[in-house]
Amino acid sequence: MAGTETLNLPNRFDYSHHRKFDESYASLLSDETCKEIILDFSRVEYIDSAAIGMIVLLQKKCTNLQKIAKIKGAYGATVDILDMAHMQKLFEFI
């Protein structure tokens, strides 16, 4: 789909990926042709509270720029953690 970009997240998505995650979405936020960012959780087996905070911040930035962020491929304990954090209220899960 034109205007859609995917960010592939690491197996262990935690604070140590903060800088790399920020850098990976910064260019997408400034790209006017990018209207939708898909966060691909298909490889994520571990996520911590810092990573939850990082994706919430991304969602807020997307909203301010009239872009959409979605979560794709979350499974197992990762999807359970996202559910407990009520991420389905902020993101569409695809």
PDB file of N, CA and C in Angstrom:
ATOM      1  N   MET A   1       0.848  -1.180   0.000  1.00  0.00           N
ATOM      2  CA  MET A   1       0.000   0.000   0.000  1.00  0.00           C
ATOM      3  C   MET A   1       0.890   1.238   0.000  1.00  0.00           C
ATOM      4  N   ALA A   2       0.612   2.136  -0.894  1.00  0.00           N
ATOM      5  CA  ALA A   2       1.377   3.384  -0.965  1.00  0.00           C
ATOM      6  C   ALA A   2       1.152   4.187   0.310  1.00  0.00           C
ATOM      7  N   GLY A   3       2.215   4.777   0.797  1.00  0.00           N
ATOM      8  CA  GLY A   3       2.108   5.583   2.001  1.00  0.00           C
ATOM      9  C   GLY A   3       2.203   4.800   3.282  1.00  0.00           C
ATOM     10  N   THR A   4       2.460   3.496   3.184  1.00  0.00           N
ATOM     11  CA  THR A   4       2.577   2.644   4.365  1.00  0.00           C
ATOM     12  C   THR A   4       4.006   2.139   4.485  1.00  0.00           C
ATOM     13  N   GLU A   5       4.565   2.283   5.669  1.00  0.00           N
ATOM     14  CA  GLU A   5       5.920   1.793   5.946  1.00  0.00           C
ATOM     15  C   GLU A   5       5.865   0.869   7.155  1.00  0.00           C
ATOM     16  N   THR A   6       6.739  -0.137   7.157  1.00  0.00           N
ATOM     17  CA  THR A   6       6.786  -1.110   8.246  1.00  0.00           C
ATOM     18  C   THR A   6       8.091  -0.993   9.007  1.00  0.00           C
ATOM     19  N   LEU A   7       7.983  -0.978  10.341  1.00  0.00           N
ATOM     20  CA  LEU A   7       9.151  -1.022  11.217  1.00  0.00           C
ATOM     21  C   LEU A   7       9.209  -2.417  11.827  1.00  0.00           C
ATOM     22  N   ASN A   8      10.265  -3.147  11.518  1.00  0.00           N
ATOM     23  CA  ASN A   8      10.462  -4.477  12.088  1.00  0.00           C
ATOM     24  C   ASN A   8      11.131  -4.338  13.447  1.00  0.00           C
ATOM     25  N   LEU A   9      10.489  -4.854  14.465  1.00  0.00           N
ATOM     26  CA  LEU A   9      10.994  -4.722  15.826  1.00  0.00           C
ATOM     27  C   LEU A   9      11.843  -5.935  16.202  1.00  0.00           C
ATOM     28  N   PRO A  10      12.775  -5.754  17.145  1.00  0.00           N
ATOM     29  CA  PRO A  10      13.702  -6.829  17.509  1.00  0.00           C
ATOM     30  C   PRO A  10      13.057  -7.895  18.386  1.00  0.00           C
ATOM     31  N   ASN A  11      13.740  -9.012  18.509  1.00  0.00           N
ATOM     32  CA  ASN A  11      13.294 -10.124  19.347  1.00  0.00           C
ATOM     33  C   ASN A  11      13.092  -9.673  20.785  1.00  0.00           C
ATOM     34  N   ARG A  12      13.993  -8.871  21.272  1.00  0.00           N
ATOM     35  CA  ARG A  12      13.920  -8.341  22.638  1.00  0.00           C
ATOM     36  C   ARG A  12      13.772  -6.825  22.515  1.00  0.00           C
ATOM     37  N   PHE A  13      12.539  -6.346  22.667  1.00  0.00           N
ATOM     38  CA  PHE A  13      12.226  -4.928  22.495  1.00  0.00           C
ATOM     39  C   PHE A  13      12.193  -4.280  23.866  1.00  0.00           C
ATOM     40  N   ASP A  14      13.293  -3.598  24.203  1.00  0.00           N
ATOM     41  CA  ASP A  14      13.411  -2.978  25.516  1.00  0.00           C
ATOM     42  C   ASP A  14      14.136  -1.633  25.389  1.00  0.00           C
ATOM     43  N   TYR A  15      14.457  -1.039  26.520  1.00  0.00           N
ATOM     44  CA  TYR A  15      15.050   0.297  26.519  1.00  0.00           C
ATOM     45  C   TYR A  15      16.340   0.375  25.707  1.00  0.00           C
ATOM     46  N   SER A  16      17.066  -0.717  25.603  1.00  0.00           N
ATOM     47  CA  SER A  16      18.331  -0.685  24.865  1.00  0.00           C
ATOM     48  C   SER A  16      18.129  -0.348  23.385  1.00  0.00           C
ATOM     49  N   HIS A  17      16.901  -0.462  22.895  1.00  0.00           N
ATOM     50  CA  HIS A  17      16.592  -0.143  21.496  1.00  0.00           C
ATOM     51  C   HIS A  17      16.003   1.257  21.328  1.00  0.00           C
ATOM     52  N   HIS A  18      15.995   2.037  22.393  1.00  0.00           N
ATOM     53  CA  HIS A  18      15.366   3.360  22.370  1.00  0.00           C
ATOM     54  C   HIS A  18      15.895   4.238  21.241  1.00  0.00           C
ATOM     55  N   ARG A  19      17.183   4.413  21.177  1.00  0.00           N
ATOM     56  CA  ARG A  19      17.770   5.302  20.174  1.00  0.00           C
ATOM     57  C   ARG A  19      17.528   4.784  18.757  1.00  0.00           C
ATOM     58  N   LYS A  20      17.736   3.504  18.550  1.00  0.00           N
ATOM     59  CA  LYS A  20      17.542   2.918  17.214  1.00  0.00           C
ATOM     60  C   LYS A  20      16.076   3.029  16.789  1.00  0.00           C
ATOM     61  N   PHE A  21      15.156   2.794  17.721  1.00  0.00           N
ATOM     62  CA  PHE A  21      13.730   2.898  17.419  1.00  0.00           C
ATOM     63  C   PHE A  21      13.371   4.327  17.035  1.00  0.00           C
ATOM     64  N   ASP A  22      13.830   5.299  17.833  1.00  0.00           N
ATOM     65  CA  ASP A  22      13.573   6.718  17.536  1.00  0.00           C
ATOM     66  C   ASP A  22      14.099   7.101  16.162  1.00  0.00           C
ATOM     67  N   GLU A  23      15.311   6.664  15.856  1.00  0.00           N
ATOM     68  CA  GLU A  23      15.903   6.972  14.554  1.00  0.00           C
ATOM     69  C   GLU A  23      15.133   6.326  13.410  1.00  0.00           C
ATOM     70  N   SER A  24      14.625   5.128  13.641  1.00  0.00           N
ATOM     71  CA  SER A  24      13.938   4.411  12.567  1.00  0.00           C
ATOM     72  C   SER A  24      12.602   5.048  12.199  1.00  0.00           C
ATOM     73  N   TYR A  25      11.938   5.676  13.151  1.00  0.00           N
ATOM     74  CA  TYR A  25      10.664   6.294  12.792  1.00  0.00           C
ATOM     75  C   TYR A  25      10.753   7.789  12.496  1.00  0.00           C
ATOM     76  N   ALA A  26      11.851   8.427  12.868  1.00  0.00           N
ATOM     77  CA  ALA A  26      11.978   9.874  12.665  1.00  0.00           C
ATOM     78  C   ALA A  26      11.814  10.263  11.195  1.00  0.00           C
ATOM     79  N   SER A  27      12.462   9.544  10.301  1.00  0.00           N
ATOM     80  CA  SER A  27      12.360   9.882   8.874  1.00  0.00           C
ATOM     81  C   SER A  27      10.952   9.615   8.347  1.00  0.00           C
ATOM     82  N   LEU A  28      10.266   8.615   8.917  1.00  0.00           N
ATOM     83  CA  LEU A  28       8.898   8.321   8.478  1.00  0.00           C
ATOM     84  C   LEU A  28       7.940   9.429   8.898  1.00  0.00           C
ATOM     85  N   LEU A  29       8.177   9.994  10.071  1.00  0.00           N
ATOM     86  CA  LEU A  29       7.314  11.079  10.533  1.00  0.00           C
ATOM     87  C   LEU A  29       7.485  12.332   9.690  1.00  0.00           C
ATOM     88  N   SER A  30       8.697  12.562   9.203  1.00  0.00           N
ATOM     89  CA  SER A  30       8.941  13.757   8.396  1.00  0.00           C
ATOM     90  C   SER A  30       8.587  13.548   6.921  1.00  0.00           C
ATOM     91  N   ASP A  31       8.342  12.320   6.516  1.00  0.00           N
ATOM     92  CA  ASP A  31       7.998  11.997   5.131  1.00  0.00           C
ATOM     93  C   ASP A  31       6.499  12.216   4.912  1.00  0.00           C
ATOM     94  N   GLU A  32       6.155  13.217   4.123  1.00  0.00           N
ATOM     95  CA  GLU A  32       4.742  13.538   3.895  1.00  0.00           C
ATOM     96  C   GLU A  32       3.998  12.451   3.132  1.00  0.00           C
ATOM     97  N   THR A  33       4.712  11.605   2.403  1.00  0.00           N
ATOM     98  CA  THR A  33       4.042  10.530   1.652  1.00  0.00           C
ATOM     99  C   THR A  33       3.699   9.336   2.542  1.00  0.00           C
ATOM    100  N   CYS A  34       4.347   9.248   3.699  1.00  0.00           N
ATOM    101  CA  CYS A  34       4.070   8.162   4.640  1.00  0.00           C
ATOM    102  C   CYS A  34       2.870   8.548   5.498  1.00  0.00           C
ATOM    103  N   LYS A  35       1.787   7.816   5.347  1.00  0.00           N
ATOM    104  CA  LYS A  35       0.561   8.096   6.103  1.00  0.00           C
ATOM    105  C   LYS A  35       0.298   7.068   7.196  1.00  0.00           C
ATOM    106  N   GLU A  36       0.976   5.916   7.099  1.00  0.00           N
ATOM    107  CA  GLU A  36       0.702   4.818   8.024  1.00  0.00           C
ATOM    108  C   GLU A  36       2.014   4.109   8.366  1.00  0.00           C
ATOM    109  N   ILE A  37       2.208   3.850   9.670  1.00  0.00           N
ATOM    110  CA  ILE A  37       3.384   3.125  10.139  1.00  0.00           C
ATOM    111  C   ILE A  37       2.907   1.836  10.812  1.00  0.00           C
ATOM    112  N   ILE A  38       3.409   0.732  10.297  1.00  0.00           N
ATOM    113  CA  ILE A  38       3.076  -0.578  10.860  1.00  0.00           C
ATOM    114  C   ILE A  38       4.231  -1.017  11.755  1.00  0.00           C
ATOM    115  N   LEU A  39       3.930  -1.294  13.002  1.00  0.00           N
ATOM    116  CA  LEU A  39       4.920  -1.833  13.928  1.00  0.00           C
ATOM    117  C   LEU A  39       4.819  -3.354  13.872  1.00  0.00           C
ATOM    118  N   ASP A  40       5.808  -3.993  13.269  1.00  0.00           N
ATOM    119  CA  ASP A  40       5.786  -5.444  13.085  1.00  0.00           C
ATOM    120  C   ASP A  40       6.376  -6.134  14.311  1.00  0.00           C
ATOM    121  N   PHE A  41       5.500  -6.728  15.103  1.00  0.00           N
ATOM    122  CA  PHE A  41       5.870  -7.417  16.336  1.00  0.00           C
ATOM    123  C   PHE A  41       6.083  -8.914  16.123  1.00  0.00           C
ATOM    124  N   SER A  42       6.132  -9.382  14.880  1.00  0.00           N
ATOM    125  CA  SER A  42       6.170 -10.820  14.622  1.00  0.00           C
ATOM    126  C   SER A  42       7.410 -11.518  15.190  1.00  0.00           C
ATOM    127  N   ARG A  43       8.483 -10.786  15.448  1.00  0.00           N
ATOM    128  CA  ARG A  43       9.694 -11.391  16.031  1.00  0.00           C
ATOM    129  C   ARG A  43       9.832 -11.120  17.527  1.00  0.00           C
ATOM    130  N   VAL A  44       8.991 -10.247  18.077  1.00  0.00           N
ATOM    131  CA  VAL A  44       9.150  -9.821  19.467  1.00  0.00           C
ATOM    132  C   VAL A  44       8.686 -10.920  20.421  1.00  0.00           C
ATOM    133  N   GLU A  45       9.634 -11.369  21.256  1.00  0.00           N
ATOM    134  CA  GLU A  45       9.322 -12.360  22.294  1.00  0.00           C
ATOM    135  C   GLU A  45       9.333 -11.747  23.685  1.00  0.00           C
ATOM    136  N   TYR A  46       9.948 -10.559  23.800  1.00  0.00           N
ATOM    137  CA  TYR A  46      10.041  -9.878  25.086  1.00  0.00           C
ATOM    138  C   TYR A  46       9.842  -8.389  24.858  1.00  0.00           C
ATOM    139  N   ILE A  47       9.020  -7.784  25.702  1.00  0.00           N
ATOM    140  CA  ILE A  47       8.815  -6.337  25.653  1.00  0.00           C
ATOM    141  C   ILE A  47       8.744  -5.831  27.090  1.00  0.00           C
ATOM    142  N   ASP A  48       9.399  -4.705  27.354  1.00  0.00           N
ATOM    143  CA  ASP A  48       9.350  -4.147  28.705  1.00  0.00           C
ATOM    144  C   ASP A  48       8.552  -2.842  28.725  1.00  0.00           C
ATOM    145  N   SER A  49       8.407  -2.266  29.908  1.00  0.00           N
ATOM    146  CA  SER A  49       7.595  -1.057  30.056  1.00  0.00           C
ATOM    147  C   SER A  49       8.185   0.129  29.294  1.00  0.00           C
ATOM    148  N   ALA A  50       9.500   0.170  29.155  1.00  0.00           N
ATOM    149  CA  ALA A  50      10.119   1.261  28.390  1.00  0.00           C
ATOM    150  C   ALA A  50       9.690   1.190  26.929  1.00  0.00           C
ATOM    151  N   ALA A  51       9.629  -0.017  26.378  1.00  0.00           N
ATOM    152  CA  ALA A  51       9.193  -0.185  24.990  1.00  0.00           C
ATOM    153  C   ALA A  51       7.725   0.208  24.834  1.00  0.00           C
ATOM    154  N   ILE A  52       6.916  -0.098  25.825  1.00  0.00           N
ATOM    155  CA  ILE A  52       5.509   0.333  25.796  1.00  0.00           C
ATOM    156  C   ILE A  52       5.474   1.866  25.731  1.00  0.00           C
ATOM    157  N   GLY A  53       6.266   2.511  26.555  1.00  0.00           N
ATOM    158  CA  GLY A  53       6.340   3.970  26.538  1.00  0.00           C
ATOM    159  C   GLY A  53       6.797   4.510  25.191  1.00  0.00           C
ATOM    160  N   MET A  54       7.741   3.826  24.564  1.00  0.00           N
ATOM    161  CA  MET A  54       8.240   4.274  23.266  1.00  0.00           C
ATOM    162  C   MET A  54       7.156   4.208  22.199  1.00  0.00           C
ATOM    163  N   ILE A  55       6.349   3.144  22.216  1.00  0.00           N
ATOM    164  CA  ILE A  55       5.311   3.049  21.182  1.00  0.00           C
ATOM    165  C   ILE A  55       4.158   4.005  21.459  1.00  0.00           C
ATOM    166  N   VAL A  56       3.893   4.291  22.737  1.00  0.00           N
ATOM    167  CA  VAL A  56       2.868   5.295  23.074  1.00  0.00           C
ATOM    168  C   VAL A  56       3.315   6.669  22.587  1.00  0.00           C
ATOM    169  N   LEU A  57       4.585   6.995  22.789  1.00  0.00           N
ATOM    170  CA  LEU A  57       5.112   8.273  22.304  1.00  0.00           C
ATOM    171  C   LEU A  57       5.025   8.355  20.783  1.00  0.00           C
ATOM    172  N   LEU A  58       5.353   7.267  20.101  1.00  0.00           N
ATOM    173  CA  LEU A  58       5.224   7.245  18.644  1.00  0.00           C
ATOM    174  C   LEU A  58       3.773   7.488  18.238  1.00  0.00           C
ATOM    175  N   GLN A  59       2.832   6.856  18.931  1.00  0.00           N
ATOM    176  CA  GLN A  59       1.416   7.034  18.614  1.00  0.00           C
ATOM    177  C   GLN A  59       1.008   8.498  18.764  1.00  0.00           C
ATOM    178  N   LYS A  60       1.463   9.150  19.830  1.00  0.00           N
ATOM    179  CA  LYS A  60       1.137  10.567  20.041  1.00  0.00           C
ATOM    180  C   LYS A  60       1.697  11.434  18.922  1.00  0.00           C
ATOM    181  N   LYS A  61       2.936  11.155  18.515  1.00  0.00           N
ATOM    182  CA  LYS A  61       3.542  11.913  17.424  1.00  0.00           C
ATOM    183  C   LYS A  61       2.789  11.684  16.122  1.00  0.00           C
ATOM    184  N   CYS A  62       2.374  10.438  15.882  1.00  0.00           N
ATOM    185  CA  CYS A  62       1.606  10.137  14.675  1.00  0.00           C
ATOM    186  C   CYS A  62       0.285  10.896  14.670  1.00  0.00           C
ATOM    187  N   THR A  63      -0.397  10.893  15.786  1.00  0.00           N
ATOM    188  CA  THR A  63      -1.669  11.602  15.891  1.00  0.00           C
ATOM    189  C   THR A  63      -1.491  13.087  15.585  1.00  0.00           C
ATOM    190  N   ASN A  64      -0.444  13.685  16.138  1.00  0.00           N
ATOM    191  CA  ASN A  64      -0.176  15.111  15.893  1.00  0.00           C
ATOM    192  C   ASN A  64       0.092  15.418  14.429  1.00  0.00           C
ATOM    193  N   LEU A  65       0.625  14.435  13.708  1.00  0.00           N
ATOM    194  CA  LEU A  65       0.965  14.628  12.292  1.00  0.00           C
ATOM    195  C   LEU A  65      -0.068  14.006  11.353  1.00  0.00           C
ATOM    196  N   GLN A  66      -1.185  13.581  11.914  1.00  0.00           N
ATOM    197  CA  GLN A  66      -2.271  12.958  11.154  1.00  0.00           C
ATOM    198  C   GLN A  66      -1.789  11.713  10.403  1.00  0.00           C
ATOM    199  N   LYS A  67      -1.017  10.914  11.086  1.00  0.00           N
ATOM    200  CA  LYS A  67      -0.569   9.626  10.572  1.00  0.00           C
ATOM    201  C   LYS A  67      -1.170   8.542  11.453  1.00  0.00           C
ATOM    202  N   ILE A  68      -1.151   7.329  10.970  1.00  0.00           N
ATOM    203  CA  ILE A  68      -1.727   6.204  11.699  1.00  0.00           C
ATOM    204  C   ILE A  68      -0.624   5.206  12.010  1.00  0.00           C
ATOM    205  N   ALA A  69      -0.606   4.711  13.240  1.00  0.00           N
ATOM    206  CA  ALA A  69       0.321   3.643  13.626  1.00  0.00           C
ATOM    207  C   ALA A  69      -0.515   2.413  13.982  1.00  0.00           C
ATOM    208  N   LYS A  70      -0.087   1.252  13.489  1.00  0.00           N
ATOM    209  CA  LYS A  70      -0.790  -0.001  13.748  1.00  0.00           C
ATOM    210  C   LYS A  70       0.206  -1.047  14.236  1.00  0.00           C
ATOM    211  N   ILE A  71      -0.312  -2.027  14.946  1.00  0.00           N
ATOM    212  CA  ILE A  71       0.498  -3.135  15.444  1.00  0.00           C
ATOM    213  C   ILE A  71       0.138  -4.384  14.661  1.00  0.00           C
ATOM    214  N   LYS A  72       1.179  -5.063  14.187  1.00  0.00           N
ATOM    215  CA  LYS A  72       0.988  -6.269  13.378  1.00  0.00           C
ATOM    216  C   LYS A  72       1.782  -7.422  13.974  1.00  0.00           C
ATOM    217  N   GLY A  73       1.194  -8.589  13.995  1.00  0.00           N
ATOM    218  CA  GLY A  73       1.919  -9.812  14.295  1.00  0.00           C
ATOM    219  C   GLY A  73       2.270 -10.089  15.733  1.00  0.00           C
ATOM    220  N   ALA A  74       1.714  -9.358  16.683  1.00  0.00           N
ATOM    221  CA  ALA A  74       2.020  -9.632  18.089  1.00  0.00           C
ATOM    222  C   ALA A  74       1.429 -10.985  18.478  1.00  0.00           C
ATOM    223  N   TYR A  75       2.171 -11.750  19.282  1.00  0.00           N
ATOM    224  CA  TYR A  75       1.715 -13.082  19.670  1.00  0.00           C
ATOM    225  C   TYR A  75       2.238 -13.425  21.066  1.00  0.00           C
ATOM    226  N   GLY A  76       1.706 -14.487  21.615  1.00  0.00           N
ATOM    227  CA  GLY A  76       2.188 -15.023  22.890  1.00  0.00           C
ATOM    228  C   GLY A  76       2.149 -14.023  24.021  1.00  0.00           C
ATOM    229  N   ALA A  77       3.211 -14.055  24.834  1.00  0.00           N
ATOM    230  CA  ALA A  77       3.296 -13.169  25.996  1.00  0.00           C
ATOM    231  C   ALA A  77       3.313 -11.701  25.580  1.00  0.00           C
ATOM    232  N   THR A  78       3.865 -11.425  24.411  1.00  0.00           N
ATOM    233  CA  THR A  78       3.923 -10.030  23.947  1.00  0.00           C
ATOM    234  C   THR A  78       2.531  -9.465  23.743  1.00  0.00           C
ATOM    235  N   VAL A  79       1.663 -10.209  23.082  1.00  0.00           N
ATOM    236  CA  VAL A  79       0.301  -9.709  22.867  1.00  0.00           C
ATOM    237  C   VAL A  79      -0.438  -9.612  24.199  1.00  0.00           C
ATOM    238  N   ASP A  80      -0.139 -10.515  25.128  1.00  0.00           N
ATOM    239  CA  ASP A  80      -0.766 -10.440  26.455  1.00  0.00           C
ATOM    240  C   ASP A  80      -0.356  -9.152  27.171  1.00  0.00           C
ATOM    241  N   ILE A  81       0.917  -8.796  27.085  1.00  0.00           N
ATOM    242  CA  ILE A  81       1.402  -7.560  27.725  1.00  0.00           C
ATOM    243  C   ILE A  81       0.777  -6.336  27.062  1.00  0.00           C
ATOM    244  N   LEU A  82       0.714  -6.341  25.733  1.00  0.00           N
ATOM    245  CA  LEU A  82       0.081  -5.220  25.026  1.00  0.00           C
ATOM    246  C   LEU A  82      -1.390  -5.093  25.416  1.00  0.00           C
ATOM    247  N   ASP A  83      -2.070  -6.226  25.577  1.00  0.00           N
ATOM    248  CA  ASP A  83      -3.470  -6.201  26.007  1.00  0.00           C
ATOM    249  C   ASP A  83      -3.605  -5.650  27.424  1.00  0.00           C
ATOM    250  N   MET A  84      -2.736  -6.097  28.331  1.00  0.00           N
ATOM    251  CA  MET A  84      -2.790  -5.621  29.718  1.00  0.00           C
ATOM    252  C   MET A  84      -2.526  -4.123  29.802  1.00  0.00           C
ATOM    253  N   ALA A  85      -1.721  -3.612  28.882  1.00  0.00           N
ATOM    254  CA  ALA A  85      -1.417  -2.181  28.848  1.00  0.00           C
ATOM    255  C   ALA A  85      -2.469  -1.402  28.055  1.00  0.00           C
ATOM    256  N   HIS A  86      -3.514  -2.089  27.616  1.00  0.00           N
ATOM    257  CA  HIS A  86      -4.628  -1.480  26.880  1.00  0.00           C
ATOM    258  C   HIS A  86      -4.195  -0.795  25.588  1.00  0.00           C
ATOM    259  N   MET A  87      -3.217  -1.374  24.927  1.00  0.00           N
ATOM    260  CA  MET A  87      -2.721  -0.789  23.679  1.00  0.00           C
ATOM    261  C   MET A  87      -3.765  -0.859  22.555  1.00  0.00           C
ATOM    262  N   GLN A  88      -4.755  -1.742  22.707  1.00  0.00           N
ATOM    263  CA  GLN A  88      -5.816  -1.817  21.699  1.00  0.00           C
ATOM    264  C   GLN A  88      -6.658  -0.545  21.680  1.00  0.00           C
ATOM    265  N   LYS A  89      -6.561   0.284  22.714  1.00  0.00           N
ATOM    266  CA  LYS A  89      -7.272   1.562  22.731  1.00  0.00           C
ATOM    267  C   LYS A  89      -6.530   2.609  21.908  1.00  0.00           C
ATOM    268  N   LEU A  90      -5.221   2.412  21.723  1.00  0.00           N
ATOM    269  CA  LEU A  90      -4.411   3.385  20.977  1.00  0.00           C
ATOM    270  C   LEU A  90      -4.076   2.929  19.569  1.00  0.00           C
ATOM    271  N   PHE A  91      -3.989   1.627  19.376  1.00  0.00           N
ATOM    272  CA  PHE A  91      -3.546   1.066  18.105  1.00  0.00           C
ATOM    273  C   PHE A  91      -4.564   0.089  17.568  1.00  0.00           C
ATOM    274  N   GLU A  92      -4.662   0.042  16.259  1.00  0.00           N
ATOM    275  CA  GLU A  92      -5.390  -1.042  15.610  1.00  0.00           C
ATOM    276  C   GLU A  92      -4.424  -2.208  15.503  1.00  0.00           C
ATOM    277  N   PHE A  93      -4.870  -3.397  15.912  1.00  0.00           N
ATOM    278  CA  PHE A  93      -4.071  -4.602  15.776  1.00  0.00           C
ATOM    279  C   PHE A  93      -4.472  -5.270  14.463  1.00  0.00           C
ATOM    280  N   ILE A  94      -3.492  -5.542  13.611  1.00  0.00           N
ATOM    281  CA  ILE A  94      -3.785  -6.176  12.329  1.00  0.00           C
ATOM    282  C   ILE A  94      -3.046  -7.492  12.214  1.00  0.00           C
TER     283      ILE A  94
END
